[in-house]
Amino acid sequence: MGDDVGAGEDAQPAVAAAVPAGAGNSSAEGIRLPRLVVFDLDNCCWSPEMYQLNSGAPFAYNPADNTCACAGRGRRGGGELVHLLGDVAEIWGCLRNRAGLPLSAYCHTSAGGPFGGAVFDPEQTKICIASCCDEPDWARDLLGKFRVVHLEPKAGGGHRKAFGETMAEAVAFTQITYGNKTEHHRAIQRASGGVDFRDMVFFDDRHGHVRDVAGLGVTAVCTPHGGVTWRSFLEALRQFQRQ
């Protein structure tokens, strides 16, 4: 996983240089893209929420369907399944974009609309986590097992979907700790070398968190049901253009 900048940790990741405020990031299509895309975890990236589980880590990963099963050593047995929500695995793959393809190659929602030609560069746009879930160790275990969906070349042309790197490997900066989400974002900003809040996008299932973080200048989108989908991701990009 990327740099874990949880509260109470003294270590800070090395950064080469501070990022100019509002520096932005543009694709070849002239679409302004965020530098940091920040995700909540419980009920935003996956379900059930950690507090709803009777048992937890270590989770058993099923590569057939990209799910994780509880180990069964918890309070009342195990076997419960944790699954990714919405289009999270595909959206993370689009952000990581190992194939260098436009968003339209990943997105099944009207081919991404005006953002279909946008090409995410993983060196310019980083995935981050801001979570205050009840079981941080369980969350880290899941991040180390769930896979991101990548596109790989297919014989005869085109591309096929394949499970690639773990979510932990895809993340640049991580905040999994109790606390206010504004403090999570401030910690992520410090760890990133000073990326401006206006160059960030945030997804969370709770309106209060979204309202608080939006107050910093972050483009914050609420996903109360079904996690982060292509629809909510494209809406975030639309709002981001107005920042």
Protein backbone atom coordinates (compact mmCIF):
# COMPACT_ATOMS: atom_id res chain seq x y z
CA MET A 1 0.00 0.00 0.00
CA GLY A 2 1.10 3.60 -0.42
CA ASP A 3 2.19 5.88 2.36
CA ASP A 4 -0.04 5.43 5.41
CA VAL A 5 -0.36 8.81 7.02
CA GLY A 6 -2.63 7.89 9.91
CA ALA A 7 -3.02 10.19 12.88
CA GLY A 8 -0.33 9.81 15.47
CA GLU A 9 2.30 8.58 13.00
CA ASP A 10 5.43 10.73 12.88
CA ALA A 11 6.91 9.40 9.66
CA GLN A 12 6.21 11.46 6.56
CA PRO A 13 6.96 10.20 3.04
CA ALA A 14 9.72 11.91 1.14
CA VAL A 15 8.55 14.29 -1.58
CA ALA A 16 10.69 15.67 -4.38
CA ALA A 17 9.03 19.07 -4.55
CA ALA A 18 5.93 20.88 -3.48
CA VAL A 19 3.08 20.94 -5.99
CA PRO A 20 2.08 24.48 -6.98
CA ALA A 21 -1.37 25.42 -5.69
CA GLY A 22 -4.01 24.89 -8.35
CA ALA A 23 -1.45 23.41 -10.75
CA GLY A 24 -4.10 21.09 -12.15
CA ASN A 25 -3.67 18.21 -14.56
CA SER A 26 -4.96 18.04 -18.12
CA SER A 27 -5.49 15.09 -20.44
CA ALA A 28 -4.64 15.12 -24.13
CA GLU A 29 -8.27 16.07 -24.77
CA GLY A 30 -7.91 19.28 -22.75
CA ILE A 31 -10.11 17.97 -19.94
CA ARG A 32 -8.92 19.09 -16.52
CA LEU A 33 -8.25 16.02 -14.36
CA PRO A 34 -7.71 15.78 -10.60
CA ARG A 35 -4.30 15.11 -9.11
CA LEU A 36 -5.71 13.14 -6.18
CA VAL A 37 -8.85 10.99 -6.19
CA VAL A 38 -9.77 10.15 -2.60
CA PHE A 39 -12.11 7.32 -1.61
CA ASP A 40 -13.89 6.42 1.58
CA LEU A 41 -14.03 2.63 2.09
CA ASP A 42 -17.06 1.30 4.01
CA ASN A 43 -20.27 1.52 1.94
CA CYS A 44 -18.35 3.48 -0.68
CA CYS A 45 -15.80 1.00 -2.06
CA TRP A 46 -17.09 -2.18 -0.44
CA SER A 47 -19.88 -3.78 1.57
CA PRO A 48 -20.70 -4.78 4.27
CA GLU A 49 -19.16 -2.14 6.50
CA MET A 50 -16.56 -3.47 8.90
CA TYR A 51 -18.72 -2.91 11.99
CA GLN A 52 -21.41 -5.12 10.45
CA LEU A 53 -19.16 -8.19 10.26
CA ASN A 54 -19.20 -10.87 12.91
CA SER A 55 -15.60 -11.81 12.11
CA GLY A 56 -12.80 -10.33 10.08
CA ALA A 57 -9.18 -10.66 9.04
CA PRO A 58 -7.44 -12.54 7.72
CA PHE A 59 -9.84 -12.65 4.78
CA ALA A 60 -9.78 -15.41 2.17
CA TYR A 61 -9.66 -14.04 -1.38
CA ASN A 62 -11.64 -15.64 -4.22
CA PRO A 63 -9.99 -14.79 -7.57
CA ALA A 64 -13.00 -16.07 -9.51
CA ASP A 65 -15.23 -13.15 -8.52
CA ASN A 66 -12.94 -10.74 -6.66
CA THR A 67 -14.61 -11.24 -3.27
CA CYS A 68 -13.24 -11.83 0.22
CA ALA A 69 -14.62 -14.15 2.89
CA CYS A 70 -14.23 -13.64 6.61
CA ALA A 71 -11.87 -16.09 8.28
CA GLY A 72 -14.39 -17.30 10.86
CA ARG A 73 -12.46 -16.56 14.04
CA GLY A 74 -14.51 -13.60 15.14
CA ARG A 75 -17.30 -13.01 17.56
CA ARG A 76 -19.87 -15.38 16.07
CA GLY A 77 -18.18 -17.43 13.37
CA GLY A 78 -17.34 -16.42 9.83
CA GLY A 79 -17.93 -17.08 6.18
CA GLU A 80 -19.43 -13.65 5.45
CA LEU A 81 -18.55 -12.22 2.06
CA VAL A 82 -17.20 -8.72 1.45
CA HIS A 83 -17.57 -7.46 -2.12
CA LEU A 84 -16.64 -4.33 -4.01
CA LEU A 85 -19.45 -1.92 -4.79
CA GLY A 86 -20.52 -0.19 -7.97
CA ASP A 87 -17.76 0.17 -10.55
CA VAL A 88 -14.93 0.66 -8.07
CA ALA A 89 -12.60 -2.02 -9.49
CA GLU A 90 -12.98 -0.66 -13.05
CA ILE A 91 -12.68 2.99 -12.01
CA TRP A 92 -9.48 2.27 -10.12
CA GLY A 93 -8.20 0.46 -13.21
CA CYS A 94 -9.02 3.50 -15.32
CA LEU A 95 -7.12 5.75 -12.91
CA ARG A 96 -4.12 3.42 -12.92
CA ASN A 97 -4.47 3.00 -16.70
CA ARG A 98 -1.58 0.63 -17.37
CA ALA A 99 -2.74 0.30 -20.98
CA GLY A 100 -2.68 4.05 -21.62
CA LEU A 101 -6.26 4.00 -22.93
CA PRO A 102 -8.94 6.71 -22.84
CA LEU A 103 -11.71 6.61 -20.29
CA SER A 104 -14.18 5.40 -22.94
CA ALA A 105 -12.33 2.05 -23.09
CA TYR A 106 -13.17 1.41 -19.44
CA CYS A 107 -16.53 3.12 -18.99
CA HIS A 108 -19.81 1.48 -20.02
CA THR A 109 -21.94 4.57 -19.33
CA SER A 110 -22.44 6.18 -22.76
CA ALA A 111 -18.69 5.76 -23.32
CA GLY A 112 -17.93 8.46 -20.78
CA GLY A 113 -19.75 11.32 -22.50
CA PRO A 114 -17.58 14.44 -22.88
CA PHE A 115 -14.85 12.75 -20.84
CA GLY A 116 -14.57 9.69 -23.06
CA GLY A 117 -11.30 10.86 -24.59
CA ALA A 118 -9.66 11.74 -21.27
CA VAL A 119 -6.54 9.71 -20.58
CA PHE A 120 -5.51 9.28 -16.96
CA ASP A 121 -1.79 9.21 -16.26
CA PRO A 122 -1.01 7.35 -13.01
CA GLU A 123 2.01 9.58 -12.50
CA GLN A 124 -0.24 12.64 -12.54
CA THR A 125 -3.40 11.33 -10.84
CA LYS A 126 -3.03 9.37 -7.61
CA ILE A 127 -5.54 7.22 -5.72
CA CYS A 128 -5.92 7.97 -2.00
CA ILE A 129 -8.01 6.68 0.91
CA ALA A 130 -9.72 8.64 3.69
CA SER A 131 -11.57 6.23 5.98
CA CYS A 132 -12.61 6.14 9.61
CA CYS A 133 -13.85 2.53 9.53
CA ASP A 134 -14.13 0.66 12.83
CA GLU A 135 -11.53 -2.00 12.02
CA PRO A 136 -8.49 -0.44 10.30
CA ASP A 137 -6.52 -3.71 10.27
CA TRP A 138 -9.38 -5.51 8.55
CA ALA A 139 -9.58 -2.74 5.98
CA ARG A 140 -5.85 -2.98 5.25
CA ASP A 141 -6.15 -6.73 4.86
CA LEU A 142 -8.96 -6.30 2.32
CA LEU A 143 -6.99 -3.67 0.40
CA GLY A 144 -4.17 -6.17 0.12
CA LYS A 145 -6.48 -8.76 -1.44
CA PHE A 146 -9.11 -7.06 -3.60
CA ARG A 147 -7.92 -6.62 -7.18
CA VAL A 148 -8.16 -3.72 -9.59
CA VAL A 149 -9.61 -4.45 -13.03
CA HIS A 150 -7.11 -3.71 -15.80
CA LEU A 151 -7.44 -3.91 -19.56
CA GLU A 152 -5.01 -6.20 -21.36
CA PRO A 153 -4.41 -6.62 -25.12
CA LYS A 154 -6.43 -9.42 -26.68
CA ALA A 155 -5.31 -11.71 -29.49
CA GLY A 156 -6.82 -10.42 -32.68
CA GLY A 157 -7.14 -6.88 -31.38
CA GLY A 158 -9.02 -5.10 -28.67
CA HIS A 159 -8.69 -5.55 -24.93
CA ARG A 160 -10.05 -7.82 -22.25
CA LYS A 161 -10.69 -7.21 -18.56
CA ALA A 162 -8.38 -8.93 -16.09
CA PHE A 163 -7.81 -8.70 -12.35
CA GLY A 164 -4.42 -7.06 -11.85
CA GLU A 165 -2.68 -5.39 -8.93
CA THR A 166 -4.20 -5.24 -5.47
CA MET A 167 -5.96 -2.13 -4.28
CA ALA A 168 -3.14 -1.64 -1.77
CA GLU A 169 -0.62 -1.53 -4.61
CA ALA A 170 -2.74 1.03 -6.43
CA VAL A 171 -2.98 3.50 -3.53
CA ALA A 172 -0.53 6.37 -3.09
CA PHE A 173 -1.64 7.88 0.25
CA THR A 174 -3.76 6.31 2.96
CA GLN A 175 -5.67 7.62 5.96
CA ILE A 176 -7.50 4.86 7.86
CA THR A 177 -8.11 6.20 11.33
CA TYR A 178 -10.81 7.73 13.51
CA GLY A 179 -11.22 11.42 12.95
CA ASN A 180 -12.73 14.14 10.83
CA LYS A 181 -12.43 13.71 7.08
CA THR A 182 -11.10 17.25 6.76
CA GLU A 183 -8.13 16.23 8.91
CA HIS A 184 -7.67 13.15 6.73
CA HIS A 185 -7.45 15.40 3.68
CA ARG A 186 -5.04 17.78 5.34
CA ALA A 187 -2.79 14.82 6.18
CA ILE A 188 -3.02 13.54 2.61
CA GLN A 189 -2.21 17.02 1.32
CA ARG A 190 0.94 17.14 3.46
CA ALA A 191 2.02 13.67 2.36
CA SER A 192 1.46 14.53 -1.31
CA GLY A 193 3.81 17.49 -1.15
CA GLY A 194 1.11 20.15 -1.08
CA VAL A 195 -1.42 19.27 -3.78
CA ASP A 196 -4.06 21.98 -3.64
CA PHE A 197 -7.49 20.97 -2.35
CA ARG A 198 -8.94 22.30 -5.61
CA ASP A 199 -7.04 19.55 -7.41
CA MET A 200 -8.70 16.78 -5.40
CA VAL A 201 -11.90 14.75 -5.80
CA PHE A 202 -13.48 12.90 -2.88
CA PHE A 203 -16.17 10.20 -2.66
CA ASP A 204 -18.01 9.33 0.56
CA ASP A 205 -21.38 7.81 1.44
CA ARG A 206 -22.12 10.31 4.22
CA HIS A 207 -23.47 13.77 3.45
CA GLY A 208 -21.80 15.27 6.52
CA HIS A 209 -18.34 14.15 5.43
CA VAL A 210 -18.96 15.40 1.90
CA ARG A 211 -20.12 18.79 3.17
CA ASP A 212 -17.12 19.16 5.50
CA VAL A 213 -14.54 18.25 2.86
CA ALA A 214 -16.21 20.40 0.21
CA GLY A 215 -15.62 23.30 2.59
CA LEU A 216 -11.88 22.89 1.98
CA GLY A 217 -12.37 23.43 -1.75
CA VAL A 218 -12.33 19.73 -2.69
CA THR A 219 -14.80 18.46 -5.28
CA ALA A 220 -16.77 16.12 -3.01
CA VAL A 221 -19.50 13.76 -4.24
CA CYS A 222 -21.87 11.76 -2.05
CA THR A 223 -22.48 8.10 -2.95
CA PRO A 224 -25.06 7.02 -0.35
CA HIS A 225 -26.24 3.89 -2.14
CA GLY A 226 -24.34 1.36 -4.24
CA GLY A 227 -20.85 2.79 -3.92
CA VAL A 228 -18.84 4.71 -6.52
CA THR A 229 -20.29 4.08 -9.98
CA TRP A 230 -19.35 5.43 -13.39
CA ARG A 231 -22.28 7.79 -13.09
CA SER A 232 -20.98 9.30 -9.84
CA PHE A 233 -17.41 9.34 -11.15
CA LEU A 234 -18.43 11.25 -14.29
CA GLU A 235 -20.49 13.63 -12.16
CA ALA A 236 -17.37 14.30 -10.07
CA LEU A 237 -15.42 15.12 -13.24
CA ARG A 238 -18.20 17.48 -14.36
CA GLN A 239 -18.14 19.29 -11.02
CA PHE A 240 -14.35 19.33 -11.05
CA GLN A 241 -14.30 21.31 -14.32
CA ARG A 242 -16.06 24.15 -12.49
CA GLN A 243 -13.47 24.39 -9.70
